[in-house]
Amino acid sequence: MKTTVSRLRSLEQTINVMRRLAVQHAGDLAPYATWPLSRIYNLVRALPYVRDPAGNELVKRPFYTLNGIGDGGDCDDKTVVLLAWAKLNGVPARIVVSGKSAKKPLHHVYPEVYINSEWVPVDATYSYNSLGRRLFKEEKRKVFSFE
């Protein structure tokens, strides 16, 4: 069984695969459906960060990320898990691609959710991230709708 989608060649293609996996496999988050955002965020943040193999962009369905199955476990994989949770719970969400490097101005992805009349960053990529904070203070951003 193939656990990931590989050889994604563009930002738009990667975003489309992320959307599809989060929507199609939102049921993977059924055991966590009643968890508040802070709890699911902390679970995803605690998952090990695993860089994609060199030369491949991999995106996994939530079940595989949550269970450490297959290669990868980076920002796009963790974003898919949180988007699936948002979908399952009817929480509006969007996808943010960001960065601050001149070489790769857009190289990081995370979700934002709309709660209490504002978009809240939910970047669980690294264990030192915190709910509601962006990884980069002065980031270049491109925002994509989720649904």
Protein backbone atom coordinates (compact mmCIF):
# COMPACT_ATOMS: atom_id res chain seq x y z
CA MET A 1 0.00 0.00 0.00
CA LYS A 2 1.38 3.40 -0.96
CA THR A 3 1.35 5.69 2.07
CA THR A 4 2.24 9.00 0.47
CA VAL A 5 1.92 11.04 -2.65
CA SER A 6 5.35 11.81 -4.09
CA ARG A 7 6.99 13.93 -6.76
CA LEU A 8 4.79 16.94 -6.27
CA ARG A 9 6.22 19.57 -8.58
CA SER A 10 4.54 22.83 -7.63
CA LEU A 11 3.19 24.73 -4.68
CA GLU A 12 -0.33 24.62 -6.09
CA GLN A 13 -0.15 20.87 -6.65
CA THR A 14 1.04 20.34 -3.07
CA ILE A 15 -1.76 22.54 -1.67
CA ASN A 16 -4.36 20.67 -3.73
CA VAL A 17 -3.11 17.31 -2.45
CA MET A 18 -3.17 18.63 1.13
CA ARG A 19 -6.78 19.80 0.71
CA ARG A 20 -7.84 16.49 -0.80
CA LEU A 21 -6.20 14.37 1.89
CA ALA A 22 -7.62 16.49 4.73
CA VAL A 23 -11.17 16.37 3.34
CA GLN A 24 -11.13 12.80 2.07
CA HIS A 25 -9.62 11.43 5.29
CA ALA A 26 -11.16 13.71 7.92
CA GLY A 27 -12.59 10.53 9.44
CA ASP A 28 -9.04 9.62 10.50
CA LEU A 29 -9.54 12.23 13.21
CA ALA A 30 -12.79 10.69 14.53
CA PRO A 31 -11.12 9.50 17.76
CA TYR A 32 -10.11 13.13 18.40
CA ALA A 33 -13.33 14.81 17.24
CA THR A 34 -14.35 15.97 20.71
CA TRP A 35 -10.90 17.26 21.63
CA PRO A 36 -10.53 21.02 21.91
CA LEU A 37 -8.12 22.75 19.54
CA SER A 38 -5.42 23.12 22.20
CA ARG A 39 -5.36 19.40 22.89
CA ILE A 40 -5.17 18.25 19.25
CA TYR A 41 -2.59 20.96 18.62
CA ASN A 42 -0.38 19.66 21.44
CA LEU A 43 -0.72 16.08 20.20
CA VAL A 44 0.35 17.04 16.67
CA ARG A 45 3.13 19.31 17.91
CA ALA A 46 4.55 16.41 19.97
CA LEU A 47 4.81 14.17 16.89
CA PRO A 48 8.39 13.86 15.66
CA TYR A 49 9.37 16.16 12.83
CA VAL A 50 10.66 14.04 9.96
CA ARG A 51 11.98 15.80 6.87
CA ASP A 52 10.92 14.47 3.47
CA PRO A 53 13.57 12.45 1.63
CA ALA A 54 15.82 14.62 -0.56
CA GLY A 55 14.26 15.43 -3.90
CA ASN A 56 10.71 14.38 -2.94
CA GLU A 57 7.75 16.30 -1.61
CA LEU A 58 5.61 13.83 0.32
CA VAL A 59 2.19 14.46 1.83
CA LYS A 60 0.50 11.84 4.00
CA ARG A 61 -3.07 11.25 5.06
CA PRO A 62 -3.71 12.03 8.76
CA PHE A 63 -3.80 8.41 9.93
CA TYR A 64 -0.27 7.79 8.67
CA THR A 65 1.12 10.95 10.23
CA LEU A 66 -0.54 10.26 13.58
CA ASN A 67 0.85 6.72 13.60
CA GLY A 68 4.33 7.40 12.21
CA ILE A 69 3.77 5.30 9.10
CA GLY A 70 5.93 5.96 6.03
CA ASP A 71 8.54 8.58 5.22
CA GLY A 72 8.06 12.19 6.14
CA GLY A 73 6.22 13.94 8.92
CA ASP A 74 6.98 17.58 8.25
CA CYS A 75 4.99 20.80 8.15
CA ASP A 76 2.65 19.76 5.34
CA ASP A 77 1.82 16.43 7.00
CA LYS A 78 1.07 18.06 10.35
CA THR A 79 -0.99 20.72 8.56
CA VAL A 80 -3.13 18.02 6.92
CA VAL A 81 -3.90 16.51 10.35
CA LEU A 82 -5.04 19.86 11.75
CA LEU A 83 -7.06 20.68 8.62
CA ALA A 84 -8.81 17.31 8.92
CA TRP A 85 -9.65 18.09 12.56
CA ALA A 86 -11.04 21.48 11.51
CA LYS A 87 -13.10 19.87 8.73
CA LEU A 88 -14.50 17.26 11.11
CA ASN A 89 -15.47 19.95 13.61
CA GLY A 90 -16.82 22.51 11.15
CA VAL A 91 -14.13 25.03 12.07
CA PRO A 92 -13.22 27.40 9.20
CA ALA A 93 -9.59 26.93 8.21
CA ARG A 94 -7.10 28.07 5.59
CA ILE A 95 -3.61 27.12 4.48
CA VAL A 96 -0.71 29.56 4.83
CA VAL A 97 2.56 29.14 2.97
CA SER A 98 5.32 31.30 4.41
CA GLY A 99 9.00 31.95 4.82
CA LYS A 100 11.56 34.67 5.29
CA SER A 101 14.54 33.45 3.32
CA ALA A 102 15.45 35.32 0.14
CA LYS A 103 16.45 32.02 -1.50
CA LYS A 104 13.21 30.23 -0.64
CA PRO A 105 10.66 32.89 0.33
CA LEU A 106 7.83 30.34 0.52
CA HIS A 107 9.01 27.08 2.06
CA HIS A 108 6.87 26.47 5.14
CA VAL A 109 3.17 25.65 5.48
CA TYR A 110 0.74 25.74 8.39
CA PRO A 111 -3.00 26.09 8.97
CA GLU A 112 -4.92 28.96 10.45
CA VAL A 113 -8.37 28.51 11.99
CA TYR A 114 -11.07 31.12 12.39
CA ILE A 115 -12.10 31.36 16.03
CA ASN A 116 -13.37 34.26 18.11
CA SER A 117 -13.64 36.43 14.95
CA GLU A 118 -9.96 36.12 14.01
CA TRP A 119 -7.57 33.90 12.08
CA VAL A 120 -5.34 32.05 14.54
CA PRO A 121 -2.05 30.40 13.44
CA VAL A 122 -1.99 26.71 14.35
CA ASP A 123 1.59 25.83 13.42
CA ALA A 124 2.44 22.53 15.13
CA THR A 125 5.52 21.76 13.05
CA TYR A 126 8.14 21.91 15.80
CA SER A 127 7.94 21.14 19.50
CA TYR A 128 8.96 24.72 20.35
CA ASN A 129 6.06 26.27 18.40
CA SER A 130 3.10 27.59 20.33
CA LEU A 131 -0.57 27.89 19.48
CA GLY A 132 -1.45 31.29 18.07
CA ARG A 133 2.11 32.24 17.06
CA ARG A 134 3.76 32.34 13.69
CA LEU A 135 7.13 30.70 13.23
CA PHE A 136 8.54 33.72 11.40
CA LYS A 137 7.93 37.22 12.77
CA GLU A 138 8.22 39.07 9.45
CA GLU A 139 7.19 36.38 7.05
CA LYS A 140 6.23 36.47 3.43
CA ARG A 141 2.86 34.76 3.20
CA LYS A 142 0.54 33.34 0.63
CA VAL A 143 -2.88 32.24 1.85
CA PHE A 144 -4.95 29.48 0.25
CA SER A 145 -8.55 28.65 1.00
CA PHE A 146 -9.17 25.24 2.48
CA GLU A 147 -12.51 24.24 1.00
